[in-house]
Amino acid sequence: GSLDFTDVHMGVLTNQILGILRVHHIGCPSGLAMFARG
């Protein structure tokens, strides 16, 4: 909320989203997981 947009790391954000998917037992396409690490 208080960060400048340019200070956000997209890889960290994507991993946080995947973490939420995992906690709520929501499946994830393999291409999206590879995208996160890439």
PDB file of all heavy atoms in Angstrom:
ATOM      1  N   GLY A   1       0.790  -1.219   0.000  1.00  0.00           N
ATOM      2  CA  GLY A   1       0.000   0.000   0.000  1.00  0.00           C
ATOM      3  C   GLY A   1       0.824   1.272   0.000  1.00  0.00           C
ATOM      4  O   GLY A   1       0.493   2.251  -0.663  1.00  0.00           O
ATOM      5  N   SER A   2       1.954   1.286   0.734  1.00  0.00           N
ATOM      6  CA  SER A   2       2.769   2.498   0.862  1.00  0.00           C
ATOM      7  C   SER A   2       4.008   2.468  -0.022  1.00  0.00           C
ATOM      8  O   SER A   2       4.818   3.392   0.013  1.00  0.00           O
ATOM      9  CB  SER A   2       3.199   2.675   2.324  1.00  0.00           C
ATOM     10  OG  SER A   2       3.948   1.552   2.765  1.00  0.00           O
ATOM     11  N   LEU A   3       4.161   1.409  -0.818  1.00  0.00           N
ATOM     12  CA  LEU A   3       5.350   1.295  -1.663  1.00  0.00           C
ATOM     13  C   LEU A   3       5.126   1.953  -3.010  1.00  0.00           C
ATOM     14  O   LEU A   3       4.014   1.958  -3.542  1.00  0.00           O
ATOM     15  CB  LEU A   3       5.708  -0.177  -1.886  1.00  0.00           C
ATOM     16  CG  LEU A   3       6.263  -0.957  -0.690  1.00  0.00           C
ATOM     17  CD1 LEU A   3       6.509  -2.407  -1.092  1.00  0.00           C
ATOM     18  CD2 LEU A   3       7.560  -0.341  -0.188  1.00  0.00           C
ATOM     19  N   ASP A   4       6.197   2.511  -3.558  1.00  0.00           N
ATOM     20  CA  ASP A   4       6.157   2.977  -4.941  1.00  0.00           C
ATOM     21  C   ASP A   4       6.104   1.758  -5.855  1.00  0.00           C
ATOM     22  O   ASP A   4       6.705   0.727  -5.576  1.00  0.00           O
ATOM     23  CB  ASP A   4       7.391   3.824  -5.255  1.00  0.00           C
ATOM     24  CG  ASP A   4       7.305   4.435  -6.642  1.00  0.00           C
ATOM     25  OD1 ASP A   4       6.686   5.497  -6.792  1.00  0.00           O
ATOM     26  OD2 ASP A   4       7.853   3.825  -7.574  1.00  0.00           O
ATOM     27  N   PHE A   5       5.388   1.886  -6.951  1.00  0.00           N
ATOM     28  CA  PHE A   5       5.197   0.749  -7.851  1.00  0.00           C
ATOM     29  C   PHE A   5       6.517   0.172  -8.341  1.00  0.00           C
ATOM     30  O   PHE A   5       6.653  -1.029  -8.536  1.00  0.00           O
ATOM     31  CB  PHE A   5       4.339   1.201  -9.043  1.00  0.00           C
ATOM     32  CG  PHE A   5       3.686   0.077  -9.778  1.00  0.00           C
ATOM     33  CD1 PHE A   5       2.686  -0.671  -9.183  1.00  0.00           C
ATOM     34  CD2 PHE A   5       4.065  -0.226 -11.074  1.00  0.00           C
ATOM     35  CE1 PHE A   5       2.078  -1.703  -9.861  1.00  0.00           C
ATOM     36  CE2 PHE A   5       3.459  -1.258 -11.761  1.00  0.00           C
ATOM     37  CZ  PHE A   5       2.459  -1.993 -11.149  1.00  0.00           C
ATOM     38  N   THR A   6       7.511   1.029  -8.521  1.00  0.00           N
ATOM     39  CA  THR A   6       8.801   0.569  -9.042  1.00  0.00           C
ATOM     40  C   THR A   6       9.608  -0.189  -7.999  1.00  0.00           C
ATOM     41  O   THR A   6      10.614  -0.813  -8.337  1.00  0.00           O
ATOM     42  CB  THR A   6       9.628   1.769  -9.556  1.00  0.00           C
ATOM     43  OG1 THR A   6       9.796   2.705  -8.477  1.00  0.00           O
ATOM     44  CG2 THR A   6       8.913   2.447 -10.705  1.00  0.00           C
ATOM     45  N   ASP A   7       9.186  -0.141  -6.721  1.00  0.00           N
ATOM     46  CA  ASP A   7       9.921  -0.846  -5.665  1.00  0.00           C
ATOM     47  C   ASP A   7       9.420  -2.265  -5.449  1.00  0.00           C
ATOM     48  O   ASP A   7       9.982  -3.004  -4.641  1.00  0.00           O
ATOM     49  CB  ASP A   7       9.804  -0.072  -4.343  1.00  0.00           C
ATOM     50  CG  ASP A   7      10.479   1.292  -4.414  1.00  0.00           C
ATOM     51  OD1 ASP A   7      11.462   1.410  -5.176  1.00  0.00           O
ATOM     52  OD2 ASP A   7      10.016   2.225  -3.739  1.00  0.00           O
ATOM     53  N   VAL A   8       8.365  -2.651  -6.145  1.00  0.00           N
ATOM     54  CA  VAL A   8       7.772  -3.974  -5.954  1.00  0.00           C
ATOM     55  C   VAL A   8       8.492  -4.988  -6.844  1.00  0.00           C
ATOM     56  O   VAL A   8       8.718  -4.739  -8.028  1.00  0.00           O
ATOM     57  CB  VAL A   8       6.268  -3.948  -6.302  1.00  0.00           C
ATOM     58  CG1 VAL A   8       5.655  -5.328  -6.119  1.00  0.00           C
ATOM     59  CG2 VAL A   8       5.546  -2.928  -5.434  1.00  0.00           C
ATOM     60  N   HIS A   9       8.852  -6.133  -6.276  1.00  0.00           N
ATOM     61  CA  HIS A   9       9.474  -7.204  -7.040  1.00  0.00           C
ATOM     62  C   HIS A   9       8.395  -8.178  -7.488  1.00  0.00           C
ATOM     63  O   HIS A   9       7.694  -8.777  -6.667  1.00  0.00           O
ATOM     64  CB  HIS A   9      10.522  -7.925  -6.198  1.00  0.00           C
ATOM     65  CG  HIS A   9      11.668  -7.051  -5.789  1.00  0.00           C
ATOM     66  ND1 HIS A   9      12.426  -6.346  -6.699  1.00  0.00           N
ATOM     67  CD2 HIS A   9      12.182  -6.752  -4.574  1.00  0.00           C
ATOM     68  CE1 HIS A   9      13.363  -5.664  -6.079  1.00  0.00           C
ATOM     69  NE2 HIS A   9      13.227  -5.885  -4.776  1.00  0.00           N
ATOM     70  N   MET A  10       8.288  -8.330  -8.790  1.00  0.00           N
ATOM     71  CA  MET A  10       7.200  -9.136  -9.327  1.00  0.00           C
ATOM     72  C   MET A  10       7.355 -10.612  -8.972  1.00  0.00           C
ATOM     73  O   MET A  10       6.366 -11.316  -8.756  1.00  0.00           O
ATOM     74  CB  MET A  10       7.135  -8.960 -10.854  1.00  0.00           C
ATOM     75  CG  MET A  10       5.917  -9.602 -11.457  1.00  0.00           C
ATOM     76  SD  MET A  10       5.687  -9.127 -13.166  1.00  0.00           S
ATOM     77  CE  MET A  10       4.244 -10.110 -13.563  1.00  0.00           C
ATOM     78  N   GLY A  11       8.599 -11.095  -8.923  1.00  0.00           N
ATOM     79  CA  GLY A  11       8.812 -12.493  -8.554  1.00  0.00           C
ATOM     80  C   GLY A  11       8.319 -12.788  -7.158  1.00  0.00           C
ATOM     81  O   GLY A  11       7.679 -13.823  -6.909  1.00  0.00           O
ATOM     82  N   VAL A  12       8.578 -11.879  -6.218  1.00  0.00           N
ATOM     83  CA  VAL A  12       8.113 -12.048  -4.842  1.00  0.00           C
ATOM     84  C   VAL A  12       6.588 -12.011  -4.793  1.00  0.00           C
ATOM     85  O   VAL A  12       5.943 -12.828  -4.123  1.00  0.00           O
ATOM     86  CB  VAL A  12       8.712 -10.953  -3.937  1.00  0.00           C
ATOM     87  CG1 VAL A  12       8.133 -11.054  -2.532  1.00  0.00           C
ATOM     88  CG2 VAL A  12      10.230 -11.066  -3.902  1.00  0.00           C
ATOM     89  N   LEU A  13       5.996 -11.054  -5.519  1.00  0.00           N
ATOM     90  CA  LEU A  13       4.542 -10.941  -5.553  1.00  0.00           C
ATOM     91  C   LEU A  13       3.907 -12.222  -6.097  1.00  0.00           C
ATOM     92  O   LEU A  13       2.935 -12.744  -5.534  1.00  0.00           O
ATOM     93  CB  LEU A  13       4.138  -9.743  -6.421  1.00  0.00           C
ATOM     94  CG  LEU A  13       2.641  -9.597  -6.731  1.00  0.00           C
ATOM     95  CD1 LEU A  13       1.856  -9.309  -5.458  1.00  0.00           C
ATOM     96  CD2 LEU A  13       2.406  -8.505  -7.769  1.00  0.00           C
ATOM     97  N   THR A  14       4.462 -12.745  -7.196  1.00  0.00           N
ATOM     98  CA  THR A  14       3.903 -13.956  -7.799  1.00  0.00           C
ATOM     99  C   THR A  14       4.021 -15.137  -6.859  1.00  0.00           C
ATOM    100  O   THR A  14       3.091 -15.950  -6.742  1.00  0.00           O
ATOM    101  CB  THR A  14       4.620 -14.265  -9.130  1.00  0.00           C
ATOM    102  OG1 THR A  14       4.617 -13.100  -9.954  1.00  0.00           O
ATOM    103  CG2 THR A  14       3.932 -15.398  -9.861  1.00  0.00           C
ATOM    104  N   ASN A  15       5.152 -15.253  -6.165  1.00  0.00           N
ATOM    105  CA  ASN A  15       5.309 -16.342  -5.205  1.00  0.00           C
ATOM    106  C   ASN A  15       4.325 -16.212  -4.047  1.00  0.00           C
ATOM    107  O   ASN A  15       3.835 -17.211  -3.515  1.00  0.00           O
ATOM    108  CB  ASN A  15       6.747 -16.373  -4.675  1.00  0.00           C
ATOM    109  CG  ASN A  15       7.668 -17.158  -5.585  1.00  0.00           C
ATOM    110  OD1 ASN A  15       7.229 -18.068  -6.285  1.00  0.00           O
ATOM    111  ND2 ASN A  15       8.936 -16.807  -5.594  1.00  0.00           N
ATOM    112  N   GLN A  16       4.016 -14.986  -3.654  1.00  0.00           N
ATOM    113  CA  GLN A  16       3.016 -14.790  -2.598  1.00  0.00           C
ATOM    114  C   GLN A  16       1.639 -15.250  -3.072  1.00  0.00           C
ATOM    115  O   GLN A  16       0.879 -15.866  -2.318  1.00  0.00           O
ATOM    116  CB  GLN A  16       2.971 -13.316  -2.188  1.00  0.00           C
ATOM    117  CG  GLN A  16       4.170 -12.867  -1.365  1.00  0.00           C
ATOM    118  CD  GLN A  16       4.091 -11.394  -0.998  1.00  0.00           C
ATOM    119  OE1 GLN A  16       3.739 -10.557  -1.818  1.00  0.00           O
ATOM    120  NE2 GLN A  16       4.430 -11.074   0.231  1.00  0.00           N
ATOM    121  N   ILE A  17       1.323 -14.946  -4.325  1.00  0.00           N
ATOM    122  CA  ILE A  17       0.038 -15.384  -4.880  1.00  0.00           C
ATOM    123  C   ILE A  17      -0.020 -16.910  -4.930  1.00  0.00           C
ATOM    124  O   ILE A  17      -1.026 -17.528  -4.561  1.00  0.00           O
ATOM    125  CB  ILE A  17      -0.178 -14.772  -6.277  1.00  0.00           C
ATOM    126  CG1 ILE A  17      -0.369 -13.257  -6.170  1.00  0.00           C
ATOM    127  CG2 ILE A  17      -1.384 -15.410  -6.963  1.00  0.00           C
ATOM    128  CD1 ILE A  17      -0.476 -12.542  -7.502  1.00  0.00           C
ATOM    129  N   LEU A  18       1.079 -17.541  -5.373  1.00  0.00           N
ATOM    130  CA  LEU A  18       1.105 -19.004  -5.425  1.00  0.00           C
ATOM    131  C   LEU A  18       1.008 -19.598  -4.027  1.00  0.00           C
ATOM    132  O   LEU A  18       0.411 -20.671  -3.833  1.00  0.00           O
ATOM    133  CB  LEU A  18       2.384 -19.479  -6.114  1.00  0.00           C
ATOM    134  CG  LEU A  18       2.510 -19.159  -7.609  1.00  0.00           C
ATOM    135  CD1 LEU A  18       3.786 -19.748  -8.174  1.00  0.00           C
ATOM    136  CD2 LEU A  18       1.306 -19.677  -8.376  1.00  0.00           C
ATOM    137  N   GLY A  19       1.604 -18.910  -3.043  1.00  0.00           N
ATOM    138  CA  GLY A  19       1.491 -19.375  -1.669  1.00  0.00           C
ATOM    139  C   GLY A  19       0.052 -19.353  -1.184  1.00  0.00           C
ATOM    140  O   GLY A  19      -0.405 -20.274  -0.497  1.00  0.00           O
ATOM    141  N   ILE A  20      -0.682 -18.304  -1.561  1.00  0.00           N
ATOM    142  CA  ILE A  20      -2.100 -18.221  -1.192  1.00  0.00           C
ATOM    143  C   ILE A  20      -2.891 -19.345  -1.864  1.00  0.00           C
ATOM    144  O   ILE A  20      -3.757 -19.969  -1.247  1.00  0.00           O
ATOM    145  CB  ILE A  20      -2.663 -16.835  -1.575  1.00  0.00           C
ATOM    146  CG1 ILE A  20      -2.066 -15.752  -0.667  1.00  0.00           C
ATOM    147  CG2 ILE A  20      -4.191 -16.823  -1.478  1.00  0.00           C
ATOM    148  CD1 ILE A  20      -2.461 -14.342  -1.051  1.00  0.00           C
ATOM    149  N   LEU A  21      -2.570 -19.624  -3.126  1.00  0.00           N
ATOM    150  CA  LEU A  21      -3.232 -20.734  -3.818  1.00  0.00           C
ATOM    151  C   LEU A  21      -2.982 -22.053  -3.090  1.00  0.00           C
ATOM    152  O   LEU A  21      -3.894 -22.872  -2.926  1.00  0.00           O
ATOM    153  CB  LEU A  21      -2.729 -20.838  -5.267  1.00  0.00           C
ATOM    154  CG  LEU A  21      -3.114 -19.715  -6.232  1.00  0.00           C
ATOM    155  CD1 LEU A  21      -2.477 -19.953  -7.588  1.00  0.00           C
ATOM    156  CD2 LEU A  21      -4.624 -19.609  -6.375  1.00  0.00           C
ATOM    157  N   ARG A  22      -1.730 -22.242  -2.655  1.00  0.00           N
ATOM    158  CA  ARG A  22      -1.387 -23.494  -1.979  1.00  0.00           C
ATOM    159  C   ARG A  22      -2.115 -23.618  -0.641  1.00  0.00           C
ATOM    160  O   ARG A  22      -2.650 -24.684  -0.310  1.00  0.00           O
ATOM    161  CB  ARG A  22       0.127 -23.572  -1.766  1.00  0.00           C
ATOM    162  CG  ARG A  22       0.590 -24.915  -1.199  1.00  0.00           C
ATOM    163  CD  ARG A  22       2.099 -25.021  -1.114  1.00  0.00           C
ATOM    164  NE  ARG A  22       2.636 -24.112  -0.116  1.00  0.00           N
ATOM    165  CZ  ARG A  22       3.396 -23.056  -0.389  1.00  0.00           C
ATOM    166  NH1 ARG A  22       3.680 -22.766  -1.636  1.00  0.00           N
ATOM    167  NH2 ARG A  22       3.860 -22.284   0.571  1.00  0.00           N
ATOM    168  N   VAL A  23      -2.156 -22.531   0.128  1.00  0.00           N
ATOM    169  CA  VAL A  23      -2.813 -22.564   1.439  1.00  0.00           C
ATOM    170  C   VAL A  23      -4.303 -22.885   1.296  1.00  0.00           C
ATOM    171  O   VAL A  23      -4.871 -23.622   2.117  1.00  0.00           O
ATOM    172  CB  VAL A  23      -2.622 -21.212   2.164  1.00  0.00           C
ATOM    173  CG1 VAL A  23      -3.524 -21.110   3.378  1.00  0.00           C
ATOM    174  CG2 VAL A  23      -1.165 -21.043   2.582  1.00  0.00           C
ATOM    175  N   HIS A  24      -4.934 -22.366   0.249  1.00  0.00           N
ATOM    176  CA  HIS A  24      -6.365 -22.582   0.060  1.00  0.00           C
ATOM    177  C   HIS A  24      -6.649 -23.788  -0.834  1.00  0.00           C
ATOM    178  O   HIS A  24      -7.788 -23.959  -1.291  1.00  0.00           O
ATOM    179  CB  HIS A  24      -7.014 -21.320  -0.517  1.00  0.00           C
ATOM    180  CG  HIS A  24      -7.087 -20.197   0.471  1.00  0.00           C
ATOM    181  ND1 HIS A  24      -8.158 -20.006   1.301  1.00  0.00           N
ATOM    182  CD2 HIS A  24      -6.197 -19.213   0.794  1.00  0.00           C
ATOM    183  CE1 HIS A  24      -7.955 -18.964   2.084  1.00  0.00           C
ATOM    184  NE2 HIS A  24      -6.763 -18.451   1.793  1.00  0.00           N
ATOM    185  N   HIS A  25      -5.626 -24.590  -1.096  1.00  0.00           N
ATOM    186  CA  HIS A  25      -5.772 -25.835  -1.857  1.00  0.00           C
ATOM    187  C   HIS A  25      -6.395 -25.589  -3.237  1.00  0.00           C
ATOM    188  O   HIS A  25      -7.300 -26.316  -3.676  1.00  0.00           O
ATOM    189  CB  HIS A  25      -6.609 -26.847  -1.068  1.00  0.00           C
ATOM    190  CG  HIS A  25      -6.086 -27.101   0.320  1.00  0.00           C
ATOM    191  ND1 HIS A  25      -4.900 -27.776   0.560  1.00  0.00           N
ATOM    192  CD2 HIS A  25      -6.561 -26.747   1.546  1.00  0.00           C
ATOM    193  CE1 HIS A  25      -4.679 -27.843   1.864  1.00  0.00           C
ATOM    194  NE2 HIS A  25      -5.652 -27.211   2.481  1.00  0.00           N
ATOM    195  N   ILE A  26      -5.919 -24.542  -3.890  1.00  0.00           N
ATOM    196  CA  ILE A  26      -6.346 -24.212  -5.245  1.00  0.00           C
ATOM    197  C   ILE A  26      -5.224 -24.631  -6.191  1.00  0.00           C
ATOM    198  O   ILE A  26      -4.066 -24.264  -5.997  1.00  0.00           O
ATOM    199  CB  ILE A  26      -6.631 -22.711  -5.398  1.00  0.00           C
ATOM    200  CG1 ILE A  26      -7.736 -22.280  -4.415  1.00  0.00           C
ATOM    201  CG2 ILE A  26      -7.047 -22.387  -6.826  1.00  0.00           C
ATOM    202  CD1 ILE A  26      -7.970 -20.784  -4.380  1.00  0.00           C
ATOM    203  N   GLY A  27      -5.560 -25.433  -7.210  1.00  0.00           N
ATOM    204  CA  GLY A  27      -4.548 -25.927  -8.140  1.00  0.00           C
ATOM    205  C   GLY A  27      -3.942 -24.811  -8.969  1.00  0.00           C
ATOM    206  O   GLY A  27      -4.527 -23.741  -9.150  1.00  0.00           O
ATOM    207  N   CYS A  28      -2.740 -25.074  -9.475  1.00  0.00           N
ATOM    208  CA  CYS A  28      -2.011 -24.070 -10.255  1.00  0.00           C
ATOM    209  C   CYS A  28      -1.491 -24.695 -11.547  1.00  0.00           C
ATOM    210  O   CYS A  28      -0.859 -25.751 -11.504  1.00  0.00           O
ATOM    211  CB  CYS A  28      -0.844 -23.515  -9.430  1.00  0.00           C
ATOM    212  SG  CYS A  28       0.234 -22.398 -10.331  1.00  0.00           S
ATOM    213  N   PRO A  29      -1.745 -24.086 -12.706  1.00  0.00           N
ATOM    214  CA  PRO A  29      -1.191 -24.608 -13.962  1.00  0.00           C
ATOM    215  C   PRO A  29       0.341 -24.617 -13.907  1.00  0.00           C
ATOM    216  O   PRO A  29       0.959 -23.711 -13.334  1.00  0.00           O
ATOM    217  CB  PRO A  29      -1.700 -23.621 -15.022  1.00  0.00           C
ATOM    218  CG  PRO A  29      -2.854 -22.915 -14.378  1.00  0.00           C
ATOM    219  CD  PRO A  29      -2.553 -22.876 -12.918  1.00  0.00           C
ATOM    220  N   SER A  30       0.961 -25.642 -14.507  1.00  0.00           N
ATOM    221  CA  SER A  30       2.419 -25.756 -14.458  1.00  0.00           C
ATOM    222  C   SER A  30       3.093 -24.564 -15.132  1.00  0.00           C
ATOM    223  O   SER A  30       4.174 -24.133 -14.711  1.00  0.00           O
ATOM    224  CB  SER A  30       2.860 -27.063 -15.130  1.00  0.00           C
ATOM    225  OG  SER A  30       2.425 -27.113 -16.480  1.00  0.00           O
ATOM    226  N   GLY A  31       2.468 -24.021 -16.182  1.00  0.00           N
ATOM    227  CA  GLY A  31       3.061 -22.872 -16.860  1.00  0.00           C
ATOM    228  C   GLY A  31       3.144 -21.660 -15.961  1.00  0.00           C
ATOM    229  O   GLY A  31       4.117 -20.897 -16.014  1.00  0.00           O
ATOM    230  N   LEU A  32       2.159 -21.487 -15.089  1.00  0.00           N
ATOM    231  CA  LEU A  32       2.167 -20.354 -14.181  1.00  0.00           C
ATOM    232  C   LEU A  32       3.257 -20.506 -13.126  1.00  0.00           C
ATOM    233  O   LEU A  32       3.930 -19.538 -12.752  1.00  0.00           O
ATOM    234  CB  LEU A  32       0.803 -20.208 -13.514  1.00  0.00           C
ATOM    235  CG  LEU A  32       0.635 -19.015 -12.577  1.00  0.00           C
ATOM    236  CD1 LEU A  32       0.796 -17.708 -13.346  1.00  0.00           C
ATOM    237  CD2 LEU A  32      -0.712 -19.066 -11.874  1.00  0.00           C
ATOM    238  N   ALA A  33       3.461 -21.732 -12.634  1.00  0.00           N
ATOM    239  CA  ALA A  33       4.520 -21.966 -11.650  1.00  0.00           C
ATOM    240  C   ALA A  33       5.892 -21.714 -12.269  1.00  0.00           C
ATOM    241  O   ALA A  33       6.778 -21.126 -11.642  1.00  0.00           O
ATOM    242  CB  ALA A  33       4.426 -23.392 -11.116  1.00  0.00           C
ATOM    243  N   MET A  34       6.081 -22.141 -13.509  1.00  0.00           N
ATOM    244  CA  MET A  34       7.347 -21.894 -14.196  1.00  0.00           C
ATOM    245  C   MET A  34       7.544 -20.395 -14.436  1.00  0.00           C
ATOM    246  O   MET A  34       8.648 -19.871 -14.322  1.00  0.00           O
ATOM    247  CB  MET A  34       7.371 -22.649 -15.527  1.00  0.00           C
ATOM    248  CG  MET A  34       8.726 -22.648 -16.226  1.00  0.00           C
ATOM    249  SD  MET A  34       8.722 -23.622 -17.756  1.00  0.00           S
ATOM    250  CE  MET A  34       8.507 -25.274 -17.105  1.00  0.00           C
ATOM    251  N   PHE A  35       6.454 -19.706 -14.722  1.00  0.00           N
ATOM    252  CA  PHE A  35       6.502 -18.254 -14.893  1.00  0.00           C
ATOM    253  C   PHE A  35       6.988 -17.571 -13.614  1.00  0.00           C
ATOM    254  O   PHE A  35       7.809 -16.653 -13.664  1.00  0.00           O
ATOM    255  CB  PHE A  35       5.105 -17.748 -15.279  1.00  0.00           C
ATOM    256  CG  PHE A  35       4.826 -16.330 -14.904  1.00  0.00           C
ATOM    257  CD1 PHE A  35       5.271 -15.287 -15.691  1.00  0.00           C
ATOM    258  CD2 PHE A  35       4.101 -16.035 -13.747  1.00  0.00           C
ATOM    259  CE1 PHE A  35       5.005 -13.961 -15.339  1.00  0.00           C
ATOM    260  CE2 PHE A  35       3.838 -14.727 -13.393  1.00  0.00           C
ATOM    261  CZ  PHE A  35       4.297 -13.691 -14.192  1.00  0.00           C
ATOM    262  N   ALA A  36       6.496 -18.029 -12.461  1.00  0.00           N
ATOM    263  CA  ALA A  36       6.877 -17.420 -11.188  1.00  0.00           C
ATOM    264  C   ALA A  36       8.373 -17.534 -10.953  1.00  0.00           C
ATOM    265  O   ALA A  36       9.043 -16.559 -10.590  1.00  0.00           O
ATOM    266  CB  ALA A  36       6.101 -18.081 -10.041  1.00  0.00           C
ATOM    267  N   ARG A  37       8.928 -18.725 -11.164  1.00  0.00           N
ATOM    268  CA  ARG A  37      10.360 -18.918 -10.943  1.00  0.00           C
ATOM    269  C   ARG A  37      11.170 -18.176 -12.005  1.00  0.00           C
ATOM    270  O   ARG A  37      12.229 -17.612 -11.716  1.00  0.00           O
ATOM    271  CB  ARG A  37      10.677 -20.409 -10.956  1.00  0.00           C
ATOM    272  CG  ARG A  37      12.126 -20.743 -10.637  1.00  0.00           C
ATOM    273  CD  ARG A  37      12.568 -20.186  -9.311  1.00  0.00           C
ATOM    274  NE  ARG A  37      11.831 -20.731  -8.182  1.00  0.00           N
ATOM    275  CZ  ARG A  37      12.103 -20.450  -6.924  1.00  0.00           C
ATOM    276  NH1 ARG A  37      13.085 -19.614  -6.630  1.00  0.00           N
ATOM    277  NH2 ARG A  37      11.388 -20.970  -5.946  1.00  0.00           N
ATOM    278  N   GLY A  38      10.684 -18.143 -13.251  1.00  0.00           N
ATOM    279  CA  GLY A  38      11.400 -17.434 -14.310  1.00  0.00           C
ATOM    280  C   GLY A  38      11.462 -15.945 -14.057  1.00  0.00           C
ATOM    281  O   GLY A  38      12.511 -15.312 -14.247  1.00  0.00           O
TER     282      GLY A  38
END
